[in-house]
Amino acid sequence: MQRLMIFPHETFEYHFEDELEWLGRETREEVLEAEANNNTAEYIRWVQQSLNKIQRAGLVADGINGPKTRAAIRTFQQRRRLPGDGNLNLQTEKALVAAGAGKPPSSSVAKPDAVLDRFDFDKTDLKPYHLTILRQIADRIARSFQGSQPIVTVNLVGHTDPVGSDGYNLNLGTRRGLAVRRELGRLLEQRRKGLSYKVLILVKSKGEREAIAPGNDENSKARNRRVEVFLSTKALLPIKPKPPKPEKPPTPTGRVCNPNELAKGLAACEIQLQQCLKKCETDLNFILGKIKDIPGLAGCFQMGHPLAVTACALSLGGIAAKELIDEYFRRDACRQNCEASIIGCRAAAQANAGCPVT
């Protein structure tokens, strides 16, 4: 069975659970860093006041994210067992709120770049004026690729009116977002062949939970039946696996390098490497066989970006298809892990033969 080569230059392990968590995040969050406008003076001042209240940081609430503020953030993160990098992010914000900081300023809430509202009740069909807006968005994205900051991520958030159960409306909001994604992808391809594969379009749903029009009249309900569009120049990138660093055994002193013993040890390492690679290939082919059993699932690899591939799988076969794609990428990183593990074997062979460890 021929292996599908998704990344021709490098193999990546993609952390789907981390990135797909965006599907349940708040609208204002950026996809990559889960942060919106949290570098404003108002937001930083809120952070400084919160740290002074929670841990008596003694910061001047001047709205400047200087060294002392970052050090106080790092201390707070470490005490809450968060990644202690001193950066403002969603986890840190939630931890501050949980510790009694109060609600962050509303200025950090991101506003959509476009809103497609007034969907028909319980329908996902796009209206003519929706298409007009989407054409404008497609033109804007296409133009952005002529500059230094192309729009590479589009976040679509589906909403509904309050009629129906919460679970049904969450599903309806997702289906509306998927309808917008299909049309936007088609329009991008019209602008430039292959452009849709360069833009990651993500869909999530808030159902009826975030109404913008109060009231129970038809006009208010129609305004709430909407899909919000967020454009971003931030790209979601695959995460390279971190292979274990093999410890170099100390080179024995007082011995002369034995070339024959070294050659024998290196040959054993090579056999071990080939066995590891063969097992990787067998496991990968096994997963590919399962993927091909689901109609259309193999075609998701044409999306290119790992997260786009997974989103495609979710729309085709649900969680079961997503888990197959997840397992494919995990096993696709097996070859790189084999190469990493063999480094220690070669170092041990050099040391055992009395040769300098390189």
Protein backbone atom coordinates (compact mmCIF):
# COMPACT_ATOMS: atom_id res chain seq x y z
CA MET A 1 0.00 0.00 0.00
CA GLN A 2 1.46 3.35 -1.03
CA ARG A 3 2.05 5.78 1.77
CA LEU A 4 0.39 9.21 1.59
CA MET A 5 3.04 11.92 1.80
CA ILE A 6 1.44 14.92 3.42
CA PHE A 7 4.54 16.82 4.45
CA PRO A 8 7.19 16.13 1.78
CA HIS A 9 10.02 17.89 3.61
CA GLU A 10 9.43 17.04 7.23
CA THR A 11 7.29 14.84 9.47
CA PHE A 12 5.24 16.52 12.18
CA GLU A 13 3.34 15.30 15.20
CA TYR A 14 0.22 17.41 15.55
CA HIS A 15 -1.36 17.93 18.96
CA PHE A 16 -4.99 17.78 17.86
CA GLU A 17 -6.48 17.81 21.36
CA ASP A 18 -4.70 21.08 22.17
CA GLU A 19 -5.62 22.86 18.96
CA LEU A 20 -9.18 21.54 18.61
CA GLU A 21 -9.88 22.86 22.08
CA TRP A 22 -10.55 26.11 20.20
CA LEU A 23 -13.92 24.66 19.26
CA GLY A 24 -15.07 25.37 22.82
CA ARG A 25 -13.34 28.69 23.45
CA GLU A 26 -14.83 32.15 23.75
CA THR A 27 -15.41 34.17 20.60
CA ARG A 28 -12.89 36.83 21.53
CA GLU A 29 -9.93 34.44 21.64
CA GLU A 30 -7.31 34.25 18.93
CA VAL A 31 -6.88 30.66 17.71
CA LEU A 32 -3.11 30.32 18.06
CA GLU A 33 -2.51 31.94 21.42
CA ALA A 34 -6.09 32.05 22.74
CA GLU A 35 -5.73 35.74 23.38
CA ALA A 36 -7.36 38.77 21.86
CA ASN A 37 -6.46 42.40 22.54
CA ASN A 38 -4.73 41.66 25.84
CA ASN A 39 -1.85 44.06 25.25
CA THR A 40 -3.97 47.18 25.69
CA ALA A 41 -3.14 49.47 28.57
CA GLU A 42 -6.58 48.87 30.10
CA TYR A 43 -6.12 45.10 30.06
CA ILE A 44 -2.58 45.22 31.46
CA ARG A 45 -3.75 47.64 34.17
CA TRP A 46 -6.41 45.07 35.11
CA VAL A 47 -3.72 42.39 35.33
CA GLN A 48 -1.52 44.60 37.51
CA GLN A 49 -4.36 45.47 39.87
CA SER A 50 -5.36 41.80 40.05
CA LEU A 51 -1.82 40.69 40.92
CA ASN A 52 -1.59 43.37 43.60
CA LYS A 53 -4.85 42.11 45.08
CA ILE A 54 -4.08 38.40 44.87
CA GLN A 55 -0.39 38.20 45.73
CA ARG A 56 0.54 41.71 46.88
CA ALA A 57 2.84 42.18 43.93
CA GLY A 58 3.39 45.87 44.61
CA LEU A 59 3.05 46.82 40.95
CA VAL A 60 2.33 50.31 39.68
CA ALA A 61 -0.91 50.04 37.72
CA ASP A 62 0.38 52.04 34.78
CA GLY A 63 -0.81 49.72 31.99
CA ILE A 64 2.74 48.95 30.86
CA ASN A 65 3.82 45.32 30.59
CA GLY A 66 7.34 45.90 31.84
CA PRO A 67 9.89 43.51 33.45
CA LYS A 68 8.36 43.77 36.94
CA THR A 69 4.88 43.02 35.62
CA ARG A 70 6.12 40.02 33.61
CA ALA A 71 8.03 38.75 36.65
CA ALA A 72 4.86 39.02 38.78
CA ILE A 73 2.88 37.20 36.07
CA ARG A 74 5.52 34.46 36.00
CA THR A 75 5.34 34.08 39.79
CA PHE A 76 1.54 33.83 39.65
CA GLN A 77 1.73 31.23 36.87
CA GLN A 78 4.22 29.11 38.79
CA ARG A 79 2.09 29.19 41.94
CA ARG A 80 -0.91 28.04 39.89
CA ARG A 81 1.19 25.37 38.13
CA LEU A 82 0.81 27.03 34.76
CA PRO A 83 3.59 27.38 32.16
CA GLY A 84 5.74 30.06 33.79
CA ASP A 85 6.64 32.11 30.72
CA GLY A 86 5.41 35.48 31.99
CA ASN A 87 3.13 35.94 28.97
CA LEU A 88 -0.53 36.88 29.10
CA ASN A 89 -2.79 34.13 27.76
CA LEU A 90 -6.19 32.58 28.29
CA GLN A 91 -5.05 30.16 31.00
CA THR A 92 -3.52 32.97 33.04
CA GLU A 93 -6.61 35.14 32.62
CA LYS A 94 -8.90 32.33 33.78
CA ALA A 95 -6.63 31.63 36.76
CA LEU A 96 -6.70 35.33 37.74
CA VAL A 97 -10.50 35.38 37.57
CA ALA A 98 -10.72 32.16 39.60
CA ALA A 99 -8.41 33.68 42.22
CA GLY A 100 -10.77 36.62 42.71
CA ALA A 101 -9.58 39.16 40.14
CA GLY A 102 -13.00 39.93 38.77
CA LYS A 103 -14.10 40.21 35.15
CA PRO A 104 -11.44 41.42 32.68
CA PRO A 105 -12.15 44.66 30.80
CA SER A 106 -14.53 44.36 27.89
CA SER A 107 -12.01 46.01 25.58
CA SER A 108 -10.32 42.64 25.22
CA VAL A 109 -13.36 41.26 23.38
CA ALA A 110 -12.64 40.81 19.68
CA LYS A 111 -15.26 42.12 17.26
CA PRO A 112 -16.13 40.10 14.16
CA ASP A 113 -14.90 41.32 10.79
CA ALA A 114 -18.26 40.46 9.28
CA VAL A 115 -21.64 39.10 10.37
CA LEU A 116 -23.98 37.01 8.21
CA ASP A 117 -27.31 37.21 9.99
CA ARG A 118 -31.02 36.64 9.35
CA PHE A 119 -30.76 32.98 8.44
CA ASP A 120 -34.21 31.44 7.97
CA PHE A 121 -35.55 29.62 11.01
CA ASP A 122 -33.93 26.19 11.42
CA LYS A 123 -32.15 26.61 8.06
CA THR A 124 -28.54 26.80 6.91
CA ASP A 125 -29.15 28.12 3.39
CA LEU A 126 -27.14 31.21 2.49
CA LYS A 127 -29.05 34.27 1.33
CA PRO A 128 -28.02 36.48 -1.64
CA TYR A 129 -26.73 39.20 0.66
CA HIS A 130 -24.64 36.59 2.51
CA LEU A 131 -22.94 35.78 -0.79
CA THR A 132 -22.20 39.47 -1.36
CA ILE A 133 -20.44 39.69 2.01
CA LEU A 134 -18.52 36.47 1.37
CA ARG A 135 -17.33 37.76 -2.01
CA GLN A 136 -15.97 40.85 -0.27
CA ILE A 137 -14.22 38.67 2.32
CA ALA A 138 -12.72 36.46 -0.40
CA ASP A 139 -11.43 39.56 -2.22
CA ARG A 140 -9.90 40.88 1.00
CA ILE A 141 -8.15 37.57 1.71
CA ALA A 142 -6.84 37.33 -1.85
CA ARG A 143 -5.45 40.88 -1.68
CA SER A 144 -3.79 40.17 1.67
CA PHE A 145 -1.54 37.56 0.03
CA GLN A 146 0.03 40.33 -2.03
CA GLY A 147 1.40 41.91 1.16
CA SER A 148 3.60 40.84 4.07
CA GLN A 149 0.74 39.80 6.38
CA PRO A 150 -1.66 37.48 4.55
CA ILE A 151 -4.90 36.39 6.19
CA VAL A 152 -4.26 32.70 6.82
CA THR A 153 -6.91 31.83 9.43
CA VAL A 154 -10.67 32.38 9.33
CA ASN A 155 -12.77 31.61 12.39
CA LEU A 156 -16.50 31.11 11.82
CA VAL A 157 -18.83 31.15 14.85
CA GLY A 158 -22.40 29.99 14.30
CA HIS A 159 -25.33 31.27 16.40
CA THR A 160 -29.08 30.56 16.62
CA ASP A 161 -32.23 32.02 18.13
CA PRO A 162 -33.47 30.58 21.46
CA VAL A 163 -36.09 28.27 19.94
CA GLY A 164 -35.19 24.61 20.52
CA SER A 165 -32.92 22.69 22.87
CA ASP A 166 -29.39 23.80 23.66
CA GLY A 167 -27.87 20.69 22.07
CA TYR A 168 -29.88 21.05 18.87
CA ASN A 169 -28.98 24.72 18.54
CA LEU A 170 -25.28 24.02 19.03
CA ASN A 171 -25.48 21.56 16.15
CA LEU A 172 -27.48 24.02 14.03
CA GLY A 173 -24.90 26.75 14.63
CA THR A 174 -22.16 24.38 13.49
CA ARG A 175 -24.04 23.49 10.32
CA ARG A 176 -24.50 27.16 9.49
CA GLY A 177 -20.77 27.71 9.96
CA LEU A 178 -19.97 24.74 7.71
CA ALA A 179 -22.24 26.14 4.99
CA VAL A 180 -20.35 29.43 5.13
CA ARG A 181 -17.02 27.59 5.05
CA ARG A 182 -17.96 25.62 1.93
CA GLU A 183 -18.99 28.76 0.06
CA LEU A 184 -15.97 30.79 1.20
CA GLY A 185 -13.63 27.99 0.11
CA ARG A 186 -15.30 27.95 -3.32
CA LEU A 187 -14.97 31.72 -3.64
CA LEU A 188 -11.30 31.64 -2.66
CA GLU A 189 -10.62 29.08 -5.39
CA GLN A 190 -12.33 31.39 -7.88
CA ARG A 191 -9.95 34.18 -6.92
CA ARG A 192 -6.84 32.05 -7.21
CA LYS A 193 -6.42 28.33 -7.73
CA GLY A 194 -5.06 26.70 -4.59
CA LEU A 195 -5.82 29.73 -2.37
CA SER A 196 -8.36 27.82 -0.25
CA TYR A 197 -5.60 25.38 0.80
CA LYS A 198 -3.51 28.26 2.14
CA VAL A 199 -6.27 29.52 4.43
CA LEU A 200 -7.38 27.53 7.46
CA ILE A 201 -11.13 27.95 8.01
CA LEU A 202 -12.34 26.80 11.43
CA VAL A 203 -15.94 26.40 12.54
CA LYS A 204 -17.47 26.37 16.00
CA SER A 205 -20.90 27.06 17.43
CA LYS A 206 -22.30 29.03 20.34
CA GLY A 207 -25.88 27.97 19.65
CA GLU A 208 -28.32 30.25 21.46
CA ARG A 209 -25.88 31.21 24.24
CA GLU A 210 -24.69 34.59 22.94
CA ALA A 211 -27.70 36.50 21.68
CA ILE A 212 -26.96 40.04 20.48
CA ALA A 213 -30.58 41.11 20.11
CA PRO A 214 -32.73 40.90 23.25
CA GLY A 215 -36.39 40.23 22.86
CA ASN A 216 -38.61 37.48 21.57
CA ASP A 217 -39.91 39.20 18.44
CA GLU A 218 -39.11 37.88 14.96
CA ASN A 219 -36.68 40.69 14.16
CA SER A 220 -34.56 39.94 17.26
CA LYS A 221 -34.60 36.22 16.53
CA ALA A 222 -33.51 36.85 12.93
CA ARG A 223 -30.57 38.99 14.06
CA ASN A 224 -29.44 36.23 16.42
CA ARG A 225 -29.54 33.61 13.65
CA ARG A 226 -26.06 34.47 12.37
CA VAL A 227 -22.50 33.43 11.59
CA GLU A 228 -19.71 35.72 12.77
CA VAL A 229 -16.50 35.89 10.73
CA PHE A 230 -13.10 36.57 12.32
CA LEU A 231 -10.02 37.05 10.13
CA SER A 232 -6.50 36.54 11.44
CA THR A 233 -2.95 36.73 10.13
CA LYS A 234 -1.84 34.23 12.77
CA ALA A 235 -1.18 30.73 11.50
CA LEU A 236 -1.64 27.49 13.40
CA LEU A 237 1.60 25.58 12.97
CA PRO A 238 2.30 21.89 13.53
CA ILE A 239 4.32 21.13 16.63
CA LYS A 240 7.54 19.26 16.04
CA PRO A 241 8.01 16.35 18.42
CA LYS A 242 10.81 16.74 20.88
CA PRO A 243 12.89 13.56 20.66
CA PRO A 244 14.54 12.46 23.88
CA LYS A 245 18.09 13.63 24.25
CA PRO A 246 20.23 10.51 24.59
CA GLU A 247 22.83 10.63 27.28
CA LYS A 248 26.28 10.09 25.88
CA PRO A 249 28.01 7.34 27.84
CA PRO A 250 31.48 8.35 28.99
CA THR A 251 34.32 7.26 26.75
CA PRO A 252 36.42 4.63 28.59
CA THR A 253 39.90 5.84 29.41
CA GLY A 254 43.03 3.90 28.68
CA ARG A 255 41.53 2.02 25.69
CA VAL A 256 42.41 2.13 22.03
CA CYS A 257 39.56 2.49 19.56
CA ASN A 258 38.69 -0.92 18.12
CA PRO A 259 37.37 -0.41 14.54
CA ASN A 260 36.06 -3.97 14.22
CA GLU A 261 34.10 -3.77 17.46
CA LEU A 262 32.80 -0.34 16.44
CA ALA A 263 31.64 -1.63 13.04
CA LYS A 264 29.86 -4.56 14.71
CA GLY A 265 28.08 -2.25 17.16
CA LEU A 266 27.03 0.21 14.46
CA ALA A 267 25.71 -2.65 12.30
CA ALA A 268 23.54 -3.79 15.21
CA CYS A 269 22.23 -0.24 15.55
CA GLU A 270 21.37 -0.15 11.86
CA ILE A 271 19.41 -3.41 12.17
CA GLN A 272 17.55 -1.95 15.14
CA LEU A 273 16.76 1.18 13.11
CA GLN A 274 15.43 -0.80 10.13
CA GLN A 275 13.23 -2.91 12.40
CA CYS A 276 11.83 0.24 14.01
CA LEU A 277 11.14 1.85 10.62
CA LYS A 278 9.50 -1.33 9.32
CA LYS A 279 7.16 -1.43 12.30
CA CYS A 280 6.30 2.25 11.72
CA GLU A 281 5.48 1.55 8.08
CA THR A 282 3.34 -1.48 8.99
CA ASP A 283 1.40 0.49 11.60
CA LEU A 284 0.93 3.42 9.24
CA ASN A 285 -0.35 1.23 6.42
CA PHE A 286 -2.78 -0.39 8.84
CA ILE A 287 -4.24 3.01 9.74
CA LEU A 288 -4.35 4.05 6.07
CA GLY A 289 -6.37 0.94 5.32
CA LYS A 290 -8.95 1.97 7.92
CA ILE A 291 -9.00 5.54 6.59
CA LYS A 292 -9.75 4.32 3.06
CA ASP A 293 -12.68 2.29 4.41
CA ILE A 294 -14.53 5.56 5.17
CA PRO A 295 -15.82 7.09 1.91
CA GLY A 296 -14.18 10.43 1.13
CA LEU A 297 -11.96 10.46 4.22
CA ALA A 298 -8.70 9.98 2.30
CA GLY A 299 -9.59 13.07 0.28
CA CYS A 300 -9.34 15.16 3.45
CA PHE A 301 -5.54 14.97 3.13
CA GLN A 302 -5.83 17.35 0.19
CA MET A 303 -6.66 20.09 2.71
CA GLY A 304 -2.91 20.17 3.45
CA HIS A 305 -2.89 21.70 6.94
CA PRO A 306 -3.25 19.05 9.70
CA LEU A 307 -6.00 20.91 11.53
CA ALA A 308 -7.91 21.42 8.29
CA VAL A 309 -7.57 17.69 7.60
CA THR A 310 -9.03 16.93 11.02
CA ALA A 311 -11.89 19.41 10.59
CA CYS A 312 -12.70 17.73 7.27
CA ALA A 313 -12.66 14.32 8.95
CA LEU A 314 -15.00 15.53 11.69
CA SER A 315 -17.50 16.80 9.14
CA LEU A 316 -17.39 13.51 7.20
CA GLY A 317 -17.27 10.83 9.86
CA GLY A 318 -17.49 12.48 13.26
CA ILE A 319 -15.29 11.57 16.21
CA ALA A 320 -14.40 8.11 14.85
CA ALA A 321 -12.95 9.61 11.66
CA LYS A 322 -11.14 12.28 13.65
CA GLU A 323 -9.52 9.64 15.85
CA LEU A 324 -8.27 7.78 12.77
CA ILE A 325 -6.68 10.95 11.38
CA ASP A 326 -5.28 11.73 14.83
CA GLU A 327 -3.72 8.25 14.99
CA TYR A 328 -2.31 8.64 11.46
CA PHE A 329 -0.37 11.79 12.35
CA ARG A 330 0.81 10.26 15.62
CA ARG A 331 2.18 7.23 13.82
CA ASP A 332 3.55 9.35 11.00
CA ALA A 333 5.98 10.82 13.57
CA CYS A 334 7.23 7.30 14.37
CA ARG A 335 10.03 7.48 11.79
CA GLN A 336 11.51 10.58 13.37
CA ASN A 337 11.35 8.94 16.78
CA CYS A 338 13.24 5.94 15.38
CA GLU A 339 16.00 8.21 14.12
CA ALA A 340 16.19 9.95 17.49
CA SER A 341 16.39 6.73 19.51
CA ILE A 342 19.17 5.31 17.37
CA ILE A 343 21.51 8.15 18.31
CA GLY A 344 21.95 6.69 21.78
CA CYS A 345 22.65 3.25 20.30
CA ARG A 346 25.42 4.61 18.11
CA ALA A 347 26.95 6.57 20.97
CA ALA A 348 26.98 3.41 23.11
CA ALA A 349 28.65 1.46 20.29
CA GLN A 350 31.39 4.09 20.06
CA ALA A 351 31.94 4.05 23.80
CA ASN A 352 32.03 0.24 24.02
CA ALA A 353 34.61 0.12 21.25
CA GLY A 354 36.80 2.65 23.08
CA CYS A 355 36.25 5.26 20.38
CA PRO A 356 35.52 8.98 20.89
CA VAL A 357 31.81 9.62 21.22
CA THR A 358 30.67 12.08 18.55
